[in-house]
PDB file of N, CA and C in Angstrom:
ATOM      1  N   MET A   1       0.874  -1.161  -0.001  1.00  0.00           N
ATOM      2  CA  MET A   1       0.133   0.047   0.082  1.00  0.00           C
ATOM      3  C   MET A   1       0.846   1.316   0.071  1.00  0.00           C
ATOM      4  N   PRO A   2       1.021   2.016  -1.028  1.00  0.00           N
ATOM      5  CA  PRO A   2       1.501   3.448  -0.884  1.00  0.00           C
ATOM      6  C   PRO A   2       1.054   4.464  -0.010  1.00  0.00           C
ATOM      7  N   PHE A   3       1.972   5.184   0.815  1.00  0.00           N
ATOM      8  CA  PHE A   3       1.538   6.226   1.576  1.00  0.00           C
ATOM      9  C   PHE A   3       2.878   7.068   1.613  1.00  0.00           C
ATOM     10  N   GLU A   4       2.745   8.114   1.426  1.00  0.00           N
ATOM     11  CA  GLU A   4       3.792   9.215   1.258  1.00  0.00           C
ATOM     12  C   GLU A   4       5.085   8.842   0.430  1.00  0.00           C
ATOM     13  N   GLY A   5       4.544   8.229  -0.471  1.00  0.00           N
ATOM     14  CA  GLY A   5       5.667   7.783  -1.406  1.00  0.00           C
ATOM     15  C   GLY A   5       6.581   6.500  -1.024  1.00  0.00           C
ATOM     16  N   ASN A   6       6.104   5.924  -0.209  1.00  0.00           N
ATOM     17  CA  ASN A   6       6.650   4.723   0.381  1.00  0.00           C
ATOM     18  C   ASN A   6       5.614   3.637   0.233  1.00  0.00           C
ATOM     19  N   PHE A   7       6.132   2.351   0.018  1.00  0.00           N
ATOM     20  CA  PHE A   7       5.397   1.252   0.139  1.00  0.00           C
ATOM     21  C   PHE A   7       5.319   0.439   1.797  1.00  0.00           C
ATOM     22  N   TYR A   8       4.280  -0.104   2.062  1.00  0.00           N
ATOM     23  CA  TYR A   8       4.018  -0.798   3.406  1.00  0.00           C
ATOM     24  C   TYR A   8       3.555  -2.164   3.111  1.00  0.00           C
ATOM     25  N   ILE A   9       4.349  -3.215   2.979  1.00  0.00           N
ATOM     26  CA  ILE A   9       4.067  -4.580   2.323  1.00  0.00           C
ATOM     27  C   ILE A   9       3.953  -5.506   3.521  1.00  0.00           C
ATOM     28  N   ARG A  10       3.082  -6.306   3.448  1.00  0.00           N
ATOM     29  CA  ARG A  10       2.979  -7.528   4.568  1.00  0.00           C
ATOM     30  C   ARG A  10       3.881  -8.385   4.103  1.00  0.00           C
ATOM     31  N   ARG A  11       4.424  -9.103   5.025  1.00  0.00           N
ATOM     32  CA  ARG A  11       5.655 -10.100   4.960  1.00  0.00           C
ATOM     33  C   ARG A  11       5.186 -11.278   3.769  1.00  0.00           C
ATOM     34  N   LYS A  12       3.740 -11.898   3.937  1.00  0.00           N
ATOM     35  CA  LYS A  12       3.593 -12.820   2.888  1.00  0.00           C
ATOM     36  C   LYS A  12       3.596 -12.550   1.333  1.00  0.00           C
ATOM     37  N   PHE A  13       3.472 -11.050   1.216  1.00  0.00           N
ATOM     38  CA  PHE A  13       3.526 -10.668  -0.198  1.00  0.00           C
ATOM     39  C   PHE A  13       5.104 -10.330  -0.705  1.00  0.00           C
ATOM     40  N   LEU A  14       5.712 -10.439   0.117  1.00  0.00           N
ATOM     41  CA  LEU A  14       7.402 -10.138  -0.176  1.00  0.00           C
ATOM     42  C   LEU A  14       7.740 -11.329  -0.979  1.00  0.00           C
ATOM     43  N   ARG A  15       8.570 -11.352  -1.958  1.00  0.00           N
ATOM     44  CA  ARG A  15       9.361 -12.456  -2.640  1.00  0.00           C
ATOM     45  C   ARG A  15      10.717 -12.765  -2.082  1.00  0.00           C
ATOM     46  N   THR A  16      10.866 -12.273  -0.723  1.00  0.00           N
ATOM     47  CA  THR A  16      12.078 -12.534  -0.209  1.00  0.00           C
ATOM     48  C   THR A  16      11.996 -12.594   1.161  1.00  0.00           C
ATOM     49  N   ASP A  17      12.571 -13.450   2.080  1.00  0.00           N
ATOM     50  CA  ASP A  17      12.735 -13.550   3.623  1.00  0.00           C
ATOM     51  C   ASP A  17      13.945 -13.048   4.089  1.00  0.00           C
ATOM     52  N   GLY A  18      14.689 -12.187   3.343  1.00  0.00           N
ATOM     53  CA  GLY A  18      16.050 -11.572   3.570  1.00  0.00           C
ATOM     54  C   GLY A  18      15.767 -10.255   4.243  1.00  0.00           C
ATOM     55  N   PHE A  19      14.937  -9.834   4.747  1.00  0.00           N
ATOM     56  CA  PHE A  19      14.942  -8.552   5.603  1.00  0.00           C
ATOM     57  C   PHE A  19      15.223  -8.847   6.952  1.00  0.00           C
ATOM     58  N   LYS A  20      16.202  -8.471   7.643  1.00  0.00           N
ATOM     59  CA  LYS A  20      16.528  -8.726   8.789  1.00  0.00           C
ATOM     60  C   LYS A  20      16.530  -7.364   9.661  1.00  0.00           C
ATOM     61  N   VAL A  21      16.155  -7.189  10.842  1.00  0.00           N
ATOM     62  CA  VAL A  21      16.287  -6.253  11.719  1.00  0.00           C
ATOM     63  C   VAL A  21      17.671  -5.970  12.061  1.00  0.00           C
ATOM     64  N   ASN A  22      18.002  -4.380  12.015  1.00  0.00           N
ATOM     65  CA  ASN A  22      19.582  -4.286  12.415  1.00  0.00           C
ATOM     66  C   ASN A  22      19.504  -3.789  13.825  1.00  0.00           C
ATOM     67  N   PHE A  23      18.362  -3.459  14.437  1.00  0.00           N
ATOM     68  CA  PHE A  23      18.202  -2.717  15.656  1.00  0.00           C
ATOM     69  C   PHE A  23      18.703  -1.371  15.721  1.00  0.00           C
ATOM     70  N   MET A  24      18.638  -0.700  14.678  1.00  0.00           N
ATOM     71  CA  MET A  24      18.958   0.773  14.607  1.00  0.00           C
ATOM     72  C   MET A  24      17.555   1.406  14.814  1.00  0.00           C
ATOM     73  N   PRO A  25      17.258   2.432  15.785  1.00  0.00           N
ATOM     74  CA  PRO A  25      15.917   2.923  15.948  1.00  0.00           C
ATOM     75  C   PRO A  25      15.735   4.092  15.090  1.00  0.00           C
ATOM     76  N   GLY A  26      14.575   4.434  14.806  1.00  0.00           N
ATOM     77  CA  GLY A  26      14.210   5.756  14.226  1.00  0.00           C
ATOM     78  C   GLY A  26      12.993   6.407  15.069  1.00  0.00           C
ATOM     79  N   LEU A  27      12.673   7.653  15.016  1.00  0.00           N
ATOM     80  CA  LEU A  27      11.735   8.052  15.271  1.00  0.00           C
ATOM     81  C   LEU A  27      10.907   9.120  14.297  1.00  0.00           C
ATOM     82  N   CYS A  28       9.720   9.083  14.060  1.00  0.00           N
ATOM     83  CA  CYS A  28       8.985   9.613  13.051  1.00  0.00           C
ATOM     84  C   CYS A  28       7.999  10.347  14.096  1.00  0.00           C
ATOM     85  N   PHE A  29       7.801  11.823  14.091  1.00  0.00           N
ATOM     86  CA  PHE A  29       7.096  12.781  15.158  1.00  0.00           C
ATOM     87  C   PHE A  29       5.491  12.303  15.016  1.00  0.00           C
ATOM     88  N   TYR A  30       5.057  11.625  13.952  1.00  0.00           N
ATOM     89  CA  TYR A  30       3.570  11.235  13.906  1.00  0.00           C
ATOM     90  C   TYR A  30       3.486   9.801  13.642  1.00  0.00           C
ATOM     91  N   LYS A  31       4.432   9.141  13.317  1.00  0.00           N
ATOM     92  CA  LYS A  31       4.161   7.546  13.068  1.00  0.00           C
ATOM     93  C   LYS A  31       4.861   6.912  14.303  1.00  0.00           C
ATOM     94  N   PHE A  32       5.771   7.673  15.136  1.00  0.00           N
ATOM     95  CA  PHE A  32       6.191   7.143  16.145  1.00  0.00           C
ATOM     96  C   PHE A  32       7.425   6.204  15.943  1.00  0.00           C
ATOM     97  N   LEU A  33       7.742   5.264  16.636  1.00  0.00           N
ATOM     98  CA  LEU A  33       9.016   4.597  16.764  1.00  0.00           C
ATOM     99  C   LEU A  33       9.173   3.192  15.705  1.00  0.00           C
ATOM    100  N   TYR A  34      10.436   3.150  14.949  1.00  0.00           N
ATOM    101  CA  TYR A  34      10.573   2.255  14.105  1.00  0.00           C
ATOM    102  C   TYR A  34      12.222   1.865  14.171  1.00  0.00           C
ATOM    103  N   VAL A  35      12.130   0.438  13.645  1.00  0.00           N
ATOM    104  CA  VAL A  35      13.585   0.011  13.381  1.00  0.00           C
ATOM    105  C   VAL A  35      13.994  -0.226  12.153  1.00  0.00           C
ATOM    106  N   TRP A  36      15.175   0.007  11.587  1.00  0.00           N
ATOM    107  CA  TRP A  36      15.702  -0.174  10.312  1.00  0.00           C
ATOM    108  C   TRP A  36      15.875  -1.727   9.953  1.00  0.00           C
ATOM    109  N   LEU A  37      15.766  -1.998   8.730  1.00  0.00           N
ATOM    110  CA  LEU A  37      15.824  -3.421   8.227  1.00  0.00           C
ATOM    111  C   LEU A  37      16.985  -3.275   7.227  1.00  0.00           C
ATOM    112  N   ASP A  38      17.729  -4.392   7.285  1.00  0.00           N
ATOM    113  CA  ASP A  38      18.996  -4.669   6.264  1.00  0.00           C
ATOM    114  C   ASP A  38      18.182  -5.641   5.534  1.00  0.00           C
ATOM    115  N   LEU A  39      18.565  -5.924   4.198  1.00  0.00           N
ATOM    116  CA  LEU A  39      18.314  -6.727   3.154  1.00  0.00           C
ATOM    117  C   LEU A  39      19.384  -7.743   3.025  1.00  0.00           C
ATOM    118  N   LEU A  40      19.406  -9.035   3.254  1.00  0.00           N
ATOM    119  CA  LEU A  40      20.530 -10.115   2.916  1.00  0.00           C
ATOM    120  C   LEU A  40      20.097 -10.680   1.873  1.00  0.00           C
ATOM    121  N   LEU A  41      20.873 -10.566   0.602  1.00  0.00           N
ATOM    122  CA  LEU A  41      20.449 -11.006  -0.689  1.00  0.00           C
ATOM    123  C   LEU A  41      21.212 -12.497  -0.732  1.00  0.00           C
ATOM    124  N   ALA A  42      20.485 -13.384  -1.555  1.00  0.00           N
ATOM    125  CA  ALA A  42      20.920 -14.901  -1.625  1.00  0.00           C
ATOM    126  C   ALA A  42      22.231 -14.727  -2.295  1.00  0.00           C
ATOM    127  N   THR A  43      22.712 -13.832  -2.745  1.00  0.00           N
ATOM    128  CA  THR A  43      24.068 -13.865  -3.507  1.00  0.00           C
ATOM    129  C   THR A  43      25.164 -13.366  -2.872  1.00  0.00           C
ATOM    130  N   GLY A  44      24.880 -13.008  -1.519  1.00  0.00           N
ATOM    131  CA  GLY A  44      25.914 -12.703  -0.462  1.00  0.00           C
ATOM    132  C   GLY A  44      25.943 -11.161  -0.050  1.00  0.00           C
ATOM    133  N   PRO A  45      25.684 -10.268  -0.770  1.00  0.00           N
ATOM    134  CA  PRO A  45      25.762  -8.871  -0.430  1.00  0.00           C
ATOM    135  C   PRO A  45      24.471  -8.504   0.541  1.00  0.00           C
ATOM    136  N   ARG A  46      24.926  -7.525   1.470  1.00  0.00           N
ATOM    137  CA  ARG A  46      23.938  -6.717   2.285  1.00  0.00           C
ATOM    138  C   ARG A  46      23.551  -5.366   2.044  1.00  0.00           C
ATOM    139  N   VAL A  47      22.339  -5.145   1.889  1.00  0.00           N
ATOM    140  CA  VAL A  47      22.051  -3.712   1.525  1.00  0.00           C
ATOM    141  C   VAL A  47      21.325  -3.177   2.899  1.00  0.00           C
ATOM    142  N   ARG A  48      22.290  -2.138   3.441  1.00  0.00           N
ATOM    143  CA  ARG A  48      22.021  -1.790   4.749  1.00  0.00           C
ATOM    144  C   ARG A  48      21.020  -0.890   4.659  1.00  0.00           C
ATOM    145  N   ASN A  49      19.916  -0.824   5.805  1.00  0.00           N
ATOM    146  CA  ASN A  49      18.789   0.378   5.876  1.00  0.00           C
ATOM    147  C   ASN A  49      17.999   0.556   4.612  1.00  0.00           C
ATOM    148  N   LEU A  50      17.731  -0.701   4.251  1.00  0.00           N
ATOM    149  CA  LEU A  50      16.699  -0.529   2.951  1.00  0.00           C
ATOM    150  C   LEU A  50      15.443  -0.399   3.133  1.00  0.00           C
ATOM    151  N   GLY A  51      14.703  -1.056   4.417  1.00  0.00           N
ATOM    152  CA  GLY A  51      13.439  -1.034   4.771  1.00  0.00           C
ATOM    153  C   GLY A  51      13.441  -0.468   6.179  1.00  0.00           C
ATOM    154  N   TRP A  52      12.151  -0.550   6.792  1.00  0.00           N
ATOM    155  CA  TRP A  52      12.057  -0.279   8.335  1.00  0.00           C
ATOM    156  C   TRP A  52      10.585  -0.681   8.531  1.00  0.00           C
ATOM    157  N   MET A  53      10.429  -0.943  10.053  1.00  0.00           N
ATOM    158  CA  MET A  53       9.341  -1.362  10.431  1.00  0.00           C
ATOM    159  C   MET A  53       8.970  -0.717  11.751  1.00  0.00           C
ATOM    160  N   TYR A  54       7.806  -0.385  11.785  1.00  0.00           N
ATOM    161  CA  TYR A  54       7.202   0.261  12.991  1.00  0.00           C
ATOM    162  C   TYR A  54       7.171  -0.615  14.336  1.00  0.00           C
ATOM    163  N   TRP A  55       7.827  -0.355  15.089  1.00  0.00           N
ATOM    164  CA  TRP A  55       7.941  -1.050  16.381  1.00  0.00           C
ATOM    165  C   TRP A  55       6.945  -0.869  17.433  1.00  0.00           C
ATOM    166  N   LEU A  56       6.933   0.504  17.656  1.00  0.00           N
ATOM    167  CA  LEU A  56       5.650   1.144  18.266  1.00  0.00           C
ATOM    168  C   LEU A  56       4.915   2.129  17.290  1.00  0.00           C
ATOM    169  N   PRO A  57       3.921   1.549  16.384  1.00  0.00           N
ATOM    170  CA  PRO A  57       3.242   2.431  15.435  1.00  0.00           C
ATOM    171  C   PRO A  57       2.175   3.236  16.134  1.00  0.00           C
ATOM    172  N   ASN A  58       1.721   4.500  15.413  1.00  0.00           N
ATOM    173  CA  ASN A  58       0.486   5.458  15.856  1.00  0.00           C
ATOM    174  C   ASN A  58      -0.755   4.596  15.516  1.00  0.00           C
ATOM    175  N   PRO A  59      -1.590   4.456  16.514  1.00  0.00           N
ATOM    176  CA  PRO A  59      -2.741   3.587  16.523  1.00  0.00           C
ATOM    177  C   PRO A  59      -3.681   4.292  15.297  1.00  0.00           C
ATOM    178  N   LEU A  60      -3.356   5.669  14.864  1.00  0.00           N
ATOM    179  CA  LEU A  60      -4.191   6.145  13.846  1.00  0.00           C
ATOM    180  C   LEU A  60      -4.023   5.744  12.517  1.00  0.00           C
ATOM    181  N   PHE A  61      -2.788   4.927  12.339  1.00  0.00           N
ATOM    182  CA  PHE A  61      -2.393   4.496  11.088  1.00  0.00           C
ATOM    183  C   PHE A  61      -2.273   2.852  11.001  1.00  0.00           C
ATOM    184  N   PRO A  62      -3.389   2.207  11.123  1.00  0.00           N
ATOM    185  CA  PRO A  62      -3.384   0.805  11.188  1.00  0.00           C
ATOM    186  C   PRO A  62      -2.771  -0.044  10.065  1.00  0.00           C
ATOM    187  N   PHE A  63      -2.859   0.869   8.787  1.00  0.00           N
ATOM    188  CA  PHE A  63      -2.357   0.265   7.598  1.00  0.00           C
ATOM    189  C   PHE A  63      -0.758   0.198   7.481  1.00  0.00           C
ATOM    190  N   ILE A  64      -0.051   0.736   8.523  1.00  0.00           N
ATOM    191  CA  ILE A  64       1.345   0.341   8.644  1.00  0.00           C
ATOM    192  C   ILE A  64       1.764  -0.787   9.886  1.00  0.00           C
ATOM    193  N   TRP A  65       0.854  -1.103  10.573  1.00  0.00           N
ATOM    194  CA  TRP A  65       1.070  -2.014  11.571  1.00  0.00           C
ATOM    195  C   TRP A  65       1.790  -3.294  11.013  1.00  0.00           C
ATOM    196  N   PHE A  66       2.762  -3.926  11.615  1.00  0.00           N
ATOM    197  CA  PHE A  66       3.311  -5.189  11.194  1.00  0.00           C
ATOM    198  C   PHE A  66       3.478  -5.102   9.569  1.00  0.00           C
ATOM    199  N   ARG A  67       3.836  -4.202   8.903  1.00  0.00           N
ATOM    200  CA  ARG A  67       4.472  -4.110   7.638  1.00  0.00           C
ATOM    201  C   ARG A  67       5.579  -3.569   7.397  1.00  0.00           C
ATOM    202  N   ILE A  68       6.446  -3.952   6.485  1.00  0.00           N
ATOM    203  CA  ILE A  68       7.697  -3.550   6.066  1.00  0.00           C
ATOM    204  C   ILE A  68       7.465  -2.314   5.035  1.00  0.00           C
ATOM    205  N   GLY A  69       8.295  -1.313   5.615  1.00  0.00           N
ATOM    206  CA  GLY A  69       8.271   0.048   4.750  1.00  0.00           C
ATOM    207  C   GLY A  69       9.350   0.036   3.831  1.00  0.00           C
ATOM    208  N   LEU A  70       9.073   0.317   2.522  1.00  0.00           N
ATOM    209  CA  LEU A  70      10.041   0.466   1.620  1.00  0.00           C
ATOM    210  C   LEU A  70       9.989   1.734   0.829  1.00  0.00           C
ATOM    211  N   PRO A  71      11.152   2.449   0.344  1.00  0.00           N
ATOM    212  CA  PRO A  71      10.736   3.532  -0.497  1.00  0.00           C
ATOM    213  C   PRO A  71      10.380   3.092  -1.762  1.00  0.00           C
ATOM    214  N   GLN A  72       9.666   3.861  -2.407  1.00  0.00           N
ATOM    215  CA  GLN A  72       8.964   3.643  -3.795  1.00  0.00           C
ATOM    216  C   GLN A  72       9.721   3.703  -4.884  1.00  0.00           C
ATOM    217  N   SER A  73      11.006   4.498  -4.819  1.00  0.00           N
ATOM    218  CA  SER A  73      11.959   4.495  -5.705  1.00  0.00           C
ATOM    219  C   SER A  73      13.218   4.109  -5.112  1.00  0.00           C
ATOM    220  N   HIS A  74      14.034   3.098  -5.303  1.00  0.00           N
ATOM    221  CA  HIS A  74      15.194   2.756  -4.684  1.00  0.00           C
ATOM    222  C   HIS A  74      15.921   1.792  -5.895  1.00  0.00           C
ATOM    223  N   PRO A  75      17.483   2.396  -6.312  1.00  0.00           N
ATOM    224  CA  PRO A  75      17.895   1.363  -7.387  1.00  0.00           C
ATOM    225  C   PRO A  75      18.127   0.241  -6.919  1.00  0.00           C
ATOM    226  N   GLU A  76      17.898  -0.431  -5.712  1.00  0.00           N
ATOM    227  CA  GLU A  76      18.195  -1.947  -5.337  1.00  0.00           C
ATOM    228  C   GLU A  76      16.968  -2.621  -5.369  1.00  0.00           C
ATOM    229  N   LEU A  77      15.894  -1.915  -5.680  1.00  0.00           N
ATOM    230  CA  LEU A  77      14.428  -2.385  -5.680  1.00  0.00           C
ATOM    231  C   LEU A  77      13.848  -2.589  -7.038  1.00  0.00           C
ATOM    232  N   GLU A  78      12.986  -3.712  -7.014  1.00  0.00           N
ATOM    233  CA  GLU A  78      12.206  -4.199  -8.406  1.00  0.00           C
ATOM    234  C   GLU A  78      10.793  -4.158  -7.912  1.00  0.00           C
ATOM    235  N   VAL A  79       9.917  -3.510  -8.288  1.00  0.00           N
ATOM    236  CA  VAL A  79       8.346  -3.487  -7.861  1.00  0.00           C
ATOM    237  C   VAL A  79       7.683  -3.944  -8.985  1.00  0.00           C
ATOM    238  N   GLU A  80       6.861  -4.873  -8.631  1.00  0.00           N
ATOM    239  CA  GLU A  80       5.994  -5.598  -9.647  1.00  0.00           C
ATOM    240  C   GLU A  80       4.455  -5.148  -9.179  1.00  0.00           C
ATOM    241  N   TYR A  81       3.830  -4.428 -10.199  1.00  0.00           N
ATOM    242  CA  TYR A  81       2.200  -4.356 -10.030  1.00  0.00           C
ATOM    243  C   TYR A  81       1.502  -5.527 -10.588  1.00  0.00           C
ATOM    244  N   SER A  82       0.446  -5.807  -9.728  1.00  0.00           N
ATOM    245  CA  SER A  82      -0.533  -6.588 -10.148  1.00  0.00           C
ATOM    246  C   SER A  82      -1.742  -6.026 -10.903  1.00  0.00           C
ATOM    247  N   THR A  83      -2.267  -6.599 -11.911  1.00  0.00           N
ATOM    248  CA  THR A  83      -3.776  -6.061 -12.661  1.00  0.00           C
ATOM    249  C   THR A  83      -4.815  -6.864 -12.379  1.00  0.00           C
ATOM    250  N   GLY A  84      -4.627  -7.922 -11.451  1.00  0.00           N
ATOM    251  CA  GLY A  84      -5.524  -8.892 -11.237  1.00  0.00           C
ATOM    252  C   GLY A  84      -6.800  -8.334 -10.064  1.00  0.00           C
ATOM    253  N   PRO A  85      -7.428  -8.978  -9.721  1.00  0.00           N
ATOM    254  CA  PRO A  85      -8.494  -8.357  -8.784  1.00  0.00           C
ATOM    255  C   PRO A  85      -7.866  -7.882  -7.571  1.00  0.00           C
ATOM    256  N   PRO A  86      -8.327  -7.005  -6.915  1.00  0.00           N
ATOM    257  CA  PRO A  86      -7.857  -6.695  -5.609  1.00  0.00           C
ATOM    258  C   PRO A  86      -7.887  -7.707  -4.540  1.00  0.00           C
ATOM    259  N   ALA A  87      -6.960  -7.983  -3.814  1.00  0.00           N
ATOM    260  CA  ALA A  87      -7.059  -9.106  -2.673  1.00  0.00           C
ATOM    261  C   ALA A  87      -8.119  -8.721  -1.544  1.00  0.00           C
ATOM    262  N   PRO A  88      -8.699  -9.719  -1.069  1.00  0.00           N
ATOM    263  CA  PRO A  88      -9.594  -9.305   0.201  1.00  0.00           C
ATOM    264  C   PRO A  88      -8.932  -8.629   1.149  1.00  0.00           C
ATOM    265  N   PHE A  89      -9.791  -7.714   1.768  1.00  0.00           N
ATOM    266  CA  PHE A  89      -9.136  -6.943   2.900  1.00  0.00           C
ATOM    267  C   PHE A  89      -9.024  -7.903   4.226  1.00  0.00           C
ATOM    268  N   MET A  90      -7.888  -7.824   4.735  1.00  0.00           N
ATOM    269  CA  MET A  90      -7.420  -8.747   5.721  1.00  0.00           C
ATOM    270  C   MET A  90      -7.052  -8.016   6.860  1.00  0.00           C
ATOM    271  N   PRO A  91      -7.601  -7.302   7.979  1.00  0.00           N
ATOM    272  CA  PRO A  91      -6.863  -6.410   8.767  1.00  0.00           C
ATOM    273  C   PRO A  91      -5.885  -7.150   9.576  1.00  0.00           C
TER     274      PRO A  91
END
């Protein structure tokens, strides 16, 4: 789901399980506390601080809870859009 130029993706929709928490905290004044994620590629290299996850999210933004945040445009990312029917809503 795009929000503020970023994607917030549930883990089951990612094509990798290589995102690992690096425990570097961050603070957004209205979305609250998050931790940065590194991407460990199967080929060996590590992309540091590529994504983030809100550890203590703002209750007014439930669509960012338990989702990995990724920048919408990044040279290390490949985004695939689906033209199929929308997935059923699962809170």
